[in-house]
């Protein structure tokens, strides 16, 4: 009985698998050259400027490379930014110390890579979960 059902299903769906020789499943239409105009109303422009003015933060990771007094933290930040100008550095106060965290990393793997790169210069550094800035889109 099973074999009859299986043969019936395959026999019924066989025409769906067939192709006509020389054709493809999707015929591509001819490409037309034209012009596209985008008209923005003042309300949409205001929404775009308001959206870009706000900070958009998300959960991610940073690498903490220093915890201590303010003068040393600022000097460490300057030195780090001279070596790594493309990696953002954030100085924050956690009573009674200042902490220096670097990077805006979305995944733990990215944080591990940055930690590996800075570990030689800053041996006490470690990964911390933090709210990060959204990456800039050029």
C-alpha atoms as a PDB file:
ATOM      1  CA  UNK A   1       0.000   0.000   0.000  1.00  0.00           C
ATOM      2  CA  UNK A   2       2.864   2.370   0.829  1.00  0.00           C
ATOM      3  CA  UNK A   3       4.515   1.816  -2.506  1.00  0.00           C
ATOM      4  CA  UNK A   4       1.295   2.755  -4.297  1.00  0.00           C
ATOM      5  CA  UNK A   5       1.077   6.024  -2.341  1.00  0.00           C
ATOM      6  CA  UNK A   6       4.758   6.844  -2.962  1.00  0.00           C
ATOM      7  CA  UNK A   7       4.423   6.134  -6.689  1.00  0.00           C
ATOM      8  CA  UNK A   8       1.261   8.225  -6.800  1.00  0.00           C
ATOM      9  CA  UNK A   9       2.984  11.202  -5.174  1.00  0.00           C
ATOM     10  CA  UNK A  10       6.003  10.972  -7.495  1.00  0.00           C
ATOM     11  CA  UNK A  11       3.793  10.488 -10.535  1.00  0.00           C
ATOM     12  CA  UNK A  12       1.713  13.513  -9.605  1.00  0.00           C
ATOM     13  CA  UNK A  13       4.717  15.799  -8.965  1.00  0.00           C
ATOM     14  CA  UNK A  14       6.829  14.673 -11.956  1.00  0.00           C
ATOM     15  CA  UNK A  15       5.386  17.321 -14.321  1.00  0.00           C
ATOM     16  CA  UNK A  16       6.491  19.989 -11.862  1.00  0.00           C
ATOM     17  CA  UNK A  17      10.131  18.915 -12.260  1.00  0.00           C
ATOM     18  CA  UNK A  18      10.139  18.966 -16.052  1.00  0.00           C
ATOM     19  CA  UNK A  19      11.913  21.697 -18.005  1.00  0.00           C
ATOM     20  CA  UNK A  20      11.699  22.658 -21.605  1.00  0.00           C
ATOM     21  CA  UNK A  21      15.102  22.321 -23.298  1.00  0.00           C
ATOM     22  CA  UNK A  22      16.909  25.623 -23.862  1.00  0.00           C
ATOM     23  CA  UNK A  23      15.044  27.675 -21.259  1.00  0.00           C
ATOM     24  CA  UNK A  24      15.852  28.541 -17.691  1.00  0.00           C
ATOM     25  CA  UNK A  25      13.622  28.612 -14.660  1.00  0.00           C
ATOM     26  CA  UNK A  26      13.679  32.409 -14.579  1.00  0.00           C
ATOM     27  CA  UNK A  27      13.721  34.431 -17.772  1.00  0.00           C
ATOM     28  CA  UNK A  28      15.531  37.723 -17.263  1.00  0.00           C
ATOM     29  CA  UNK A  29      13.791  40.792 -18.658  1.00  0.00           C
ATOM     30  CA  UNK A  30      15.628  43.307 -20.811  1.00  0.00           C
ATOM     31  CA  UNK A  31      17.414  46.043 -18.868  1.00  0.00           C
ATOM     32  CA  UNK A  32      15.897  49.473 -19.324  1.00  0.00           C
ATOM     33  CA  UNK A  33      17.813  52.671 -18.745  1.00  0.00           C
ATOM     34  CA  UNK A  34      15.892  55.363 -16.929  1.00  0.00           C
ATOM     35  CA  UNK A  35      15.921  58.074 -14.350  1.00  0.00           C
ATOM     36  CA  UNK A  36      14.939  57.872 -10.694  1.00  0.00           C
ATOM     37  CA  UNK A  37      13.873  60.945  -8.755  1.00  0.00           C
ATOM     38  CA  UNK A  38      13.558  60.946  -4.985  1.00  0.00           C
ATOM     39  CA  UNK A  39      11.455  63.700  -3.516  1.00  0.00           C
ATOM     40  CA  UNK A  40      11.702  64.252   0.219  1.00  0.00           C
ATOM     41  CA  UNK A  41       9.070  66.215   2.034  1.00  0.00           C
ATOM     42  CA  UNK A  42      10.211  68.553   4.826  1.00  0.00           C
ATOM     43  CA  UNK A  43       8.739  66.163   7.403  1.00  0.00           C
ATOM     44  CA  UNK A  44      10.926  63.292   6.154  1.00  0.00           C
ATOM     45  CA  UNK A  45      14.019  65.517   6.115  1.00  0.00           C
ATOM     46  CA  UNK A  46      13.275  66.547   9.717  1.00  0.00           C
ATOM     47  CA  UNK A  47      12.942  62.886  10.753  1.00  0.00           C
ATOM     48  CA  UNK A  48      16.294  62.070   9.138  1.00  0.00           C
ATOM     49  CA  UNK A  49      18.085  64.923  10.896  1.00  0.00           C
ATOM     50  CA  UNK A  50      16.443  64.080  14.248  1.00  0.00           C
ATOM     51  CA  UNK A  51      17.449  60.421  13.884  1.00  0.00           C
ATOM     52  CA  UNK A  52      21.068  61.252  13.118  1.00  0.00           C
ATOM     53  CA  UNK A  53      21.251  63.705  16.061  1.00  0.00           C
ATOM     54  CA  UNK A  54      20.500  60.987  18.660  1.00  0.00           C
ATOM     55  CA  UNK A  55      22.979  58.508  20.045  1.00  0.00           C
ATOM     56  CA  UNK A  56      22.167  54.980  19.007  1.00  0.00           C
ATOM     57  CA  UNK A  57      23.756  52.548  21.415  1.00  0.00           C
ATOM     58  CA  UNK A  58      23.740  48.779  21.380  1.00  0.00           C
ATOM     59  CA  UNK A  59      25.148  46.009  23.546  1.00  0.00           C
ATOM     60  CA  UNK A  60      28.646  44.929  22.637  1.00  0.00           C
ATOM     61  CA  UNK A  61      32.159  44.702  24.034  1.00  0.00           C
ATOM     62  CA  UNK A  62      35.121  46.910  24.823  1.00  0.00           C
ATOM     63  CA  UNK A  63      38.619  46.174  26.080  1.00  0.00           C
ATOM     64  CA  UNK A  64      39.551  47.843  29.362  1.00  0.00           C
ATOM     65  CA  UNK A  65      43.237  48.715  29.303  1.00  0.00           C
ATOM     66  CA  UNK A  66      43.607  50.910  32.390  1.00  0.00           C
ATOM     67  CA  UNK A  67      42.093  51.576  35.821  1.00  0.00           C
ATOM     68  CA  UNK A  68      43.683  54.200  38.060  1.00  0.00           C
ATOM     69  CA  UNK A  69      44.258  57.908  38.595  1.00  0.00           C
ATOM     70  CA  UNK A  70      43.140  60.609  36.168  1.00  0.00           C
ATOM     71  CA  UNK A  71      46.529  61.896  35.000  1.00  0.00           C
ATOM     72  CA  UNK A  72      47.804  58.431  34.144  1.00  0.00           C
ATOM     73  CA  UNK A  73      44.499  57.534  32.461  1.00  0.00           C
ATOM     74  CA  UNK A  74      44.670  60.603  30.209  1.00  0.00           C
ATOM     75  CA  UNK A  75      48.309  59.907  29.353  1.00  0.00           C
ATOM     76  CA  UNK A  76      47.460  56.283  28.559  1.00  0.00           C
ATOM     77  CA  UNK A  77      44.580  57.419  26.338  1.00  0.00           C
ATOM     78  CA  UNK A  78      46.853  59.792  24.391  1.00  0.00           C
ATOM     79  CA  UNK A  79      49.485  57.081  23.941  1.00  0.00           C
ATOM     80  CA  UNK A  80      46.892  54.532  22.848  1.00  0.00           C
ATOM     81  CA  UNK A  81      45.316  56.883  20.295  1.00  0.00           C
ATOM     82  CA  UNK A  82      48.741  57.675  18.828  1.00  0.00           C
ATOM     83  CA  UNK A  83      49.375  53.967  18.281  1.00  0.00           C
ATOM     84  CA  UNK A  84      45.793  53.111  17.211  1.00  0.00           C
ATOM     85  CA  UNK A  85      44.097  56.174  15.671  1.00  0.00           C
ATOM     86  CA  UNK A  86      41.282  54.104  14.169  1.00  0.00           C
ATOM     87  CA  UNK A  87      40.161  52.545  17.495  1.00  0.00           C
ATOM     88  CA  UNK A  88      37.972  54.786  19.697  1.00  0.00           C
ATOM     89  CA  UNK A  89      38.967  55.229  23.346  1.00  0.00           C
ATOM     90  CA  UNK A  90      36.579  56.124  26.184  1.00  0.00           C
ATOM     91  CA  UNK A  91      37.604  57.523  29.546  1.00  0.00           C
ATOM     92  CA  UNK A  92      35.057  57.198  32.351  1.00  0.00           C
ATOM     93  CA  UNK A  93      35.043  57.713  36.098  1.00  0.00           C
ATOM     94  CA  UNK A  94      34.234  54.883  38.461  1.00  0.00           C
ATOM     95  CA  UNK A  95      34.767  56.230  41.993  1.00  0.00           C
ATOM     96  CA  UNK A  96      37.538  56.610  43.037  1.00  0.00           C
ATOM     97  CA  UNK A  97      39.316  55.615  39.793  1.00  0.00           C
ATOM     98  CA  UNK A  98      39.246  56.396  36.105  1.00  0.00           C
ATOM     99  CA  UNK A  99      38.955  53.591  33.606  1.00  0.00           C
ATOM    100  CA  UNK A 100      40.012  53.559  29.974  1.00  0.00           C
ATOM    101  CA  UNK A 101      38.088  51.311  27.609  1.00  0.00           C
ATOM    102  CA  UNK A 102      38.783  50.999  23.908  1.00  0.00           C
ATOM    103  CA  UNK A 103      36.863  49.781  20.874  1.00  0.00           C
ATOM    104  CA  UNK A 104      33.251  49.484  19.787  1.00  0.00           C
ATOM    105  CA  UNK A 105      33.054  45.755  19.167  1.00  0.00           C
ATOM    106  CA  UNK A 106      29.854  43.938  18.275  1.00  0.00           C
ATOM    107  CA  UNK A 107      30.997  40.378  18.920  1.00  0.00           C
ATOM    108  CA  UNK A 108      33.177  38.630  21.458  1.00  0.00           C
ATOM    109  CA  UNK A 109      35.407  37.425  18.615  1.00  0.00           C
ATOM    110  CA  UNK A 110      36.194  41.006  17.565  1.00  0.00           C
ATOM    111  CA  UNK A 111      36.957  41.816  21.203  1.00  0.00           C
ATOM    112  CA  UNK A 112      39.309  38.834  21.451  1.00  0.00           C
ATOM    113  CA  UNK A 113      41.198  40.066  18.362  1.00  0.00           C
ATOM    114  CA  UNK A 114      41.602  43.559  19.802  1.00  0.00           C
ATOM    115  CA  UNK A 115      42.661  42.125  23.171  1.00  0.00           C
ATOM    116  CA  UNK A 116      45.325  40.038  21.443  1.00  0.00           C
ATOM    117  CA  UNK A 117      46.624  43.159  19.655  1.00  0.00           C
ATOM    118  CA  UNK A 118      46.834  45.351  22.780  1.00  0.00           C
ATOM    119  CA  UNK A 119      47.850  42.696  25.323  1.00  0.00           C
ATOM    120  CA  UNK A 120      51.595  43.211  24.756  1.00  0.00           C
ATOM    121  CA  UNK A 121      51.472  46.977  25.348  1.00  0.00           C
ATOM    122  CA  UNK A 122      48.810  46.766  28.101  1.00  0.00           C
ATOM    123  CA  UNK A 123      49.290  43.414  29.877  1.00  0.00           C
ATOM    124  CA  UNK A 124      46.495  43.914  32.429  1.00  0.00           C
ATOM    125  CA  UNK A 125      43.790  44.504  29.799  1.00  0.00           C
ATOM    126  CA  UNK A 126      40.607  42.439  29.625  1.00  0.00           C
ATOM    127  CA  UNK A 127      37.257  42.294  27.788  1.00  0.00           C
ATOM    128  CA  UNK A 128      34.150  43.885  29.298  1.00  0.00           C
ATOM    129  CA  UNK A 129      30.559  43.898  28.056  1.00  0.00           C
ATOM    130  CA  UNK A 130      29.430  47.483  27.486  1.00  0.00           C
ATOM    131  CA  UNK A 131      27.041  49.666  25.527  1.00  0.00           C
ATOM    132  CA  UNK A 132      28.832  50.614  22.325  1.00  0.00           C
ATOM    133  CA  UNK A 133      28.380  53.313  19.733  1.00  0.00           C
ATOM    134  CA  UNK A 134      26.964  52.297  16.393  1.00  0.00           C
ATOM    135  CA  UNK A 135      29.679  52.141  13.738  1.00  0.00           C
ATOM    136  CA  UNK A 136      29.876  55.109  11.365  1.00  0.00           C
ATOM    137  CA  UNK A 137      28.717  54.533   7.807  1.00  0.00           C
ATOM    138  CA  UNK A 138      30.541  56.574   5.197  1.00  0.00           C
END
